[in-house]
Amino acid sequence: MNYDQVDKDIIKMIQTDIPVSERPYKALADMINISEQEIVERIKMMQEQGVIRRMGAVLRHQRAGYTVNAMVAWKTDSIDADQAGEIMAGYKEVSHCYFREVPESFPYPLFTMIHARTEEQLKRLIDNIAISTGLYDYLVIKSKQELKKTSMEYFNS
């Protein structure tokens, strides 16, 4: 798709923090010298075209009390991965779910990032996911420290 400079400027702005105000798009529109209506229409058009998949708040999970986090790698084959992934993605505590290419020596191609408040809650979630998917062979890889966490920027300065 072809983007003009205004589209690129809009994407640059909405991929970062949007101002917390009664009219956040007005503040953004003023920054690039277009009307509030035009910025809203362009964003809507990009959503309709599938360029923008969704817009929403990003919760800082650790600050919100979700301090027990783990990547869980699940053993499955590609035939069952879609169905299992759909079930896993349905859990609100699962923020990421990917079926990945892995080396033959690591037979766990389905990955979930699970966020919990306690070790007990994490264990319960993993047990529930295993029961609901029928996948009982998995590895739990716990987060020790967050070294970097940012959203991807597709257009930058």
C-alpha atoms as a PDB file:
ATOM      1  CA  MET A   1       0.000   0.000   0.000  1.00  0.00           C
ATOM      2  CA  ASN A   2       1.125   3.514  -0.668  1.00  0.00           C
ATOM      3  CA  TYR A   3       1.195   5.906   2.232  1.00  0.00           C
ATOM      4  CA  ASP A   4       1.511   9.627   1.899  1.00  0.00           C
ATOM      5  CA  GLN A   5       3.450  11.627   4.469  1.00  0.00           C
ATOM      6  CA  VAL A   6       0.308  12.395   6.483  1.00  0.00           C
ATOM      7  CA  ASP A   7      -0.485   8.658   6.778  1.00  0.00           C
ATOM      8  CA  LYS A   8       3.084   7.971   7.891  1.00  0.00           C
ATOM      9  CA  ASP A   9       2.892  10.776  10.444  1.00  0.00           C
ATOM     10  CA  ILE A  10      -0.377   9.404  11.804  1.00  0.00           C
ATOM     11  CA  ILE A  11       1.074   5.888  12.101  1.00  0.00           C
ATOM     12  CA  LYS A  12       4.187   7.287  13.812  1.00  0.00           C
ATOM     13  CA  MET A  13       2.019   9.037  16.383  1.00  0.00           C
ATOM     14  CA  ILE A  14      -0.506   6.295  17.134  1.00  0.00           C
ATOM     15  CA  GLN A  15       2.114   3.559  17.495  1.00  0.00           C
ATOM     16  CA  THR A  16       3.374   5.387  20.592  1.00  0.00           C
ATOM     17  CA  ASP A  17       1.545   6.922  23.532  1.00  0.00           C
ATOM     18  CA  ILE A  18      -1.560   8.869  22.575  1.00  0.00           C
ATOM     19  CA  PRO A  19      -2.240  11.913  24.763  1.00  0.00           C
ATOM     20  CA  VAL A  20      -4.631  11.292  27.628  1.00  0.00           C
ATOM     21  CA  SER A  21      -7.223  13.958  27.008  1.00  0.00           C
ATOM     22  CA  GLU A  22     -10.858  14.468  26.149  1.00  0.00           C
ATOM     23  CA  ARG A  23      -9.947  14.849  22.458  1.00  0.00           C
ATOM     24  CA  PRO A  24      -6.674  12.963  21.875  1.00  0.00           C
ATOM     25  CA  TYR A  25      -7.000  13.020  18.080  1.00  0.00           C
ATOM     26  CA  LYS A  26      -7.306  16.818  18.133  1.00  0.00           C
ATOM     27  CA  ALA A  27      -3.883  17.073  19.788  1.00  0.00           C
ATOM     28  CA  LEU A  28      -2.396  14.696  17.201  1.00  0.00           C
ATOM     29  CA  ALA A  29      -4.088  16.491  14.303  1.00  0.00           C
ATOM     30  CA  ASP A  30      -2.745  19.837  15.509  1.00  0.00           C
ATOM     31  CA  MET A  31       0.781  18.383  15.528  1.00  0.00           C
ATOM     32  CA  ILE A  32       0.631  17.589  11.799  1.00  0.00           C
ATOM     33  CA  ASN A  33      -1.602  20.475  10.733  1.00  0.00           C
ATOM     34  CA  ILE A  34      -4.699  18.566   9.669  1.00  0.00           C
ATOM     35  CA  SER A  35      -8.237  18.586  11.030  1.00  0.00           C
ATOM     36  CA  GLU A  36      -9.395  16.302  13.795  1.00  0.00           C
ATOM     37  CA  GLN A  37     -12.008  14.897  11.393  1.00  0.00           C
ATOM     38  CA  GLU A  38      -9.349  14.062   8.798  1.00  0.00           C
ATOM     39  CA  ILE A  39      -7.163  12.169  11.260  1.00  0.00           C
ATOM     40  CA  VAL A  40     -10.161  10.173  12.482  1.00  0.00           C
ATOM     41  CA  GLU A  41     -11.205   9.377   8.876  1.00  0.00           C
ATOM     42  CA  ARG A  42      -7.690   8.307   7.901  1.00  0.00           C
ATOM     43  CA  ILE A  43      -7.375   6.044  10.945  1.00  0.00           C
ATOM     44  CA  LYS A  44     -10.790   4.524  10.187  1.00  0.00           C
ATOM     45  CA  MET A  45      -9.772   3.945   6.552  1.00  0.00           C
ATOM     46  CA  MET A  46      -6.528   2.230   7.620  1.00  0.00           C
ATOM     47  CA  GLN A  47      -8.543   0.012   9.989  1.00  0.00           C
ATOM     48  CA  GLU A  48     -10.983  -0.905   7.203  1.00  0.00           C
ATOM     49  CA  GLN A  49      -8.048  -1.741   4.906  1.00  0.00           C
ATOM     50  CA  GLY A  50      -6.537  -3.936   7.605  1.00  0.00           C
ATOM     51  CA  VAL A  51      -3.403  -1.778   7.907  1.00  0.00           C
ATOM     52  CA  ILE A  52      -4.307  -1.029  11.530  1.00  0.00           C
ATOM     53  CA  ARG A  53      -5.513  -4.204  13.187  1.00  0.00           C
ATOM     54  CA  ARG A  54      -6.564  -2.719  16.500  1.00  0.00           C
ATOM     55  CA  MET A  55      -5.925   0.123  18.866  1.00  0.00           C
ATOM     56  CA  GLY A  56      -5.937  -0.228  22.615  1.00  0.00           C
ATOM     57  CA  ALA A  57      -4.279   0.489  25.877  1.00  0.00           C
ATOM     58  CA  VAL A  58      -1.107  -1.380  26.807  1.00  0.00           C
ATOM     59  CA  LEU A  59      -1.142  -2.522  30.405  1.00  0.00           C
ATOM     60  CA  ARG A  60       2.176  -2.511  32.210  1.00  0.00           C
ATOM     61  CA  HIS A  61       1.489  -5.955  33.659  1.00  0.00           C
ATOM     62  CA  GLN A  62       4.171  -5.857  36.350  1.00  0.00           C
ATOM     63  CA  ARG A  63       2.901  -2.537  37.716  1.00  0.00           C
ATOM     64  CA  ALA A  64      -0.622  -3.977  37.714  1.00  0.00           C
ATOM     65  CA  GLY A  65       0.460  -6.855  39.958  1.00  0.00           C
ATOM     66  CA  TYR A  66       1.114  -9.537  37.338  1.00  0.00           C
ATOM     67  CA  THR A  67       4.645 -10.242  38.498  1.00  0.00           C
ATOM     68  CA  VAL A  68       4.819 -13.993  37.815  1.00  0.00           C
ATOM     69  CA  ASN A  69       5.337 -14.464  34.098  1.00  0.00           C
ATOM     70  CA  ALA A  70       6.391 -17.440  32.051  1.00  0.00           C
ATOM     71  CA  MET A  71       6.875 -18.472  28.467  1.00  0.00           C
ATOM     72  CA  VAL A  72       5.443 -21.955  28.128  1.00  0.00           C
ATOM     73  CA  ALA A  73       6.575 -24.054  25.176  1.00  0.00           C
ATOM     74  CA  TRP A  74       4.143 -26.829  24.244  1.00  0.00           C
ATOM     75  CA  LYS A  75       4.829 -30.030  22.321  1.00  0.00           C
ATOM     76  CA  THR A  76       2.384 -30.426  19.454  1.00  0.00           C
ATOM     77  CA  ASP A  77       2.302 -31.058  15.745  1.00  0.00           C
ATOM     78  CA  SER A  78       1.160 -28.633  13.096  1.00  0.00           C
ATOM     79  CA  ILE A  79      -2.170 -30.453  12.726  1.00  0.00           C
ATOM     80  CA  ASP A  80      -3.199 -29.752  16.341  1.00  0.00           C
ATOM     81  CA  ALA A  81      -1.419 -26.393  16.702  1.00  0.00           C
ATOM     82  CA  ASP A  82      -4.200 -24.238  15.236  1.00  0.00           C
ATOM     83  CA  GLN A  83      -6.908 -25.645  17.485  1.00  0.00           C
ATOM     84  CA  ALA A  84      -4.688 -25.615  20.582  1.00  0.00           C
ATOM     85  CA  GLY A  85      -3.466 -22.101  19.792  1.00  0.00           C
ATOM     86  CA  GLU A  86      -7.039 -20.863  19.461  1.00  0.00           C
ATOM     87  CA  ILE A  87      -7.910 -22.294  22.877  1.00  0.00           C
ATOM     88  CA  MET A  88      -4.760 -20.850  24.466  1.00  0.00           C
ATOM     89  CA  ALA A  89      -5.336 -17.431  22.925  1.00  0.00           C
ATOM     90  CA  GLY A  90      -8.771 -17.412  24.569  1.00  0.00           C
ATOM     91  CA  TYR A  91      -7.220 -17.105  28.027  1.00  0.00           C
ATOM     92  CA  LYS A  92      -7.026 -13.465  29.108  1.00  0.00           C
ATOM     93  CA  GLU A  93      -3.746 -14.194  30.922  1.00  0.00           C
ATOM     94  CA  VAL A  94      -2.098 -15.266  27.640  1.00  0.00           C
ATOM     95  CA  SER A  95      -0.651 -12.213  25.928  1.00  0.00           C
ATOM     96  CA  HIS A  96       1.219 -13.981  23.112  1.00  0.00           C
ATOM     97  CA  CYS A  97       0.641 -17.280  21.360  1.00  0.00           C
ATOM     98  CA  TYR A  98       2.892 -18.380  18.483  1.00  0.00           C
ATOM     99  CA  PHE A  99       3.530 -21.545  16.500  1.00  0.00           C
ATOM    100  CA  ARG A 100       7.207 -21.354  15.568  1.00  0.00           C
ATOM    101  CA  GLU A 101       9.778 -23.207  13.569  1.00  0.00           C
ATOM    102  CA  VAL A 102      12.070 -24.950  16.070  1.00  0.00           C
ATOM    103  CA  PRO A 103      15.169 -27.134  15.782  1.00  0.00           C
ATOM    104  CA  GLU A 104      14.552 -30.878  15.726  1.00  0.00           C
ATOM    105  CA  SER A 105      16.259 -31.175  19.120  1.00  0.00           C
ATOM    106  CA  PHE A 106      13.593 -28.892  20.686  1.00  0.00           C
ATOM    107  CA  PRO A 107      10.169 -30.422  19.971  1.00  0.00           C
ATOM    108  CA  TYR A 108       8.094 -27.607  21.526  1.00  0.00           C
ATOM    109  CA  PRO A 109       6.902 -25.342  18.680  1.00  0.00           C
ATOM    110  CA  LEU A 110       3.850 -23.735  20.315  1.00  0.00           C
ATOM    111  CA  PHE A 111       4.658 -20.832  22.645  1.00  0.00           C
ATOM    112  CA  THR A 112       2.470 -18.908  25.067  1.00  0.00           C
ATOM    113  CA  MET A 113       3.380 -15.977  27.287  1.00  0.00           C
ATOM    114  CA  ILE A 114       1.347 -16.262  30.468  1.00  0.00           C
ATOM    115  CA  HIS A 115       0.967 -13.544  33.109  1.00  0.00           C
ATOM    116  CA  ALA A 116      -0.138 -14.316  36.667  1.00  0.00           C
ATOM    117  CA  ARG A 117      -0.181 -12.675  40.085  1.00  0.00           C
ATOM    118  CA  THR A 118       1.159 -15.687  42.022  1.00  0.00           C
ATOM    119  CA  GLU A 119       3.101 -18.893  41.400  1.00  0.00           C
ATOM    120  CA  GLU A 120      -0.009 -20.835  42.376  1.00  0.00           C
ATOM    121  CA  GLN A 121      -2.138 -18.961  39.848  1.00  0.00           C
ATOM    122  CA  LEU A 122       0.467 -19.585  37.125  1.00  0.00           C
ATOM    123  CA  LYS A 123       0.488 -23.315  37.884  1.00  0.00           C
ATOM    124  CA  ARG A 124      -3.335 -23.435  37.827  1.00  0.00           C
ATOM    125  CA  LEU A 125      -3.422 -21.603  34.474  1.00  0.00           C
ATOM    126  CA  ILE A 126      -0.885 -23.959  32.918  1.00  0.00           C
ATOM    127  CA  ASP A 127      -2.790 -26.988  34.256  1.00  0.00           C
ATOM    128  CA  ASN A 128      -6.076 -25.602  32.882  1.00  0.00           C
ATOM    129  CA  ILE A 129      -4.530 -24.917  29.479  1.00  0.00           C
ATOM    130  CA  ALA A 130      -3.070 -28.435  29.385  1.00  0.00           C
ATOM    131  CA  ILE A 131      -6.452 -29.956  30.220  1.00  0.00           C
ATOM    132  CA  SER A 132      -8.375 -27.788  27.745  1.00  0.00           C
ATOM    133  CA  THR A 133      -5.952 -28.505  24.869  1.00  0.00           C
ATOM    134  CA  GLY A 134      -4.924 -32.051  25.724  1.00  0.00           C
ATOM    135  CA  LEU A 135      -1.259 -30.993  25.569  1.00  0.00           C
ATOM    136  CA  TYR A 136       0.545 -32.305  28.638  1.00  0.00           C
ATOM    137  CA  ASP A 137       4.134 -32.177  27.408  1.00  0.00           C
ATOM    138  CA  TYR A 138       5.454 -28.653  27.908  1.00  0.00           C
ATOM    139  CA  LEU A 139       8.336 -26.614  29.308  1.00  0.00           C
ATOM    140  CA  VAL A 140       7.859 -23.638  31.615  1.00  0.00           C
ATOM    141  CA  ILE A 141      10.449 -20.915  31.043  1.00  0.00           C
ATOM    142  CA  LYS A 142      10.059 -18.280  33.754  1.00  0.00           C
ATOM    143  CA  SER A 143      11.001 -14.654  33.345  1.00  0.00           C
ATOM    144  CA  LYS A 144      13.815 -13.629  35.655  1.00  0.00           C
ATOM    145  CA  GLN A 145      14.138 -10.002  34.649  1.00  0.00           C
ATOM    146  CA  GLU A 146      12.620  -7.725  32.032  1.00  0.00           C
ATOM    147  CA  LEU A 147      15.495  -6.272  30.024  1.00  0.00           C
ATOM    148  CA  LYS A 148      13.514  -4.550  27.295  1.00  0.00           C
ATOM    149  CA  LYS A 149       9.878  -4.164  26.455  1.00  0.00           C
ATOM    150  CA  THR A 150       8.734  -1.820  23.743  1.00  0.00           C
ATOM    151  CA  SER A 151       6.149  -1.853  21.024  1.00  0.00           C
ATOM    152  CA  MET A 152       7.337  -2.244  17.477  1.00  0.00           C
ATOM    153  CA  GLU A 153       7.679   1.019  15.580  1.00  0.00           C
ATOM    154  CA  TYR A 154       6.932   0.607  11.886  1.00  0.00           C
ATOM    155  CA  PHE A 155       7.581   4.193  10.875  1.00  0.00           C
ATOM    156  CA  ASN A 156       9.997   6.343  12.831  1.00  0.00           C
ATOM    157  CA  SER A 157      11.618   9.712  12.553  1.00  0.00           C
END
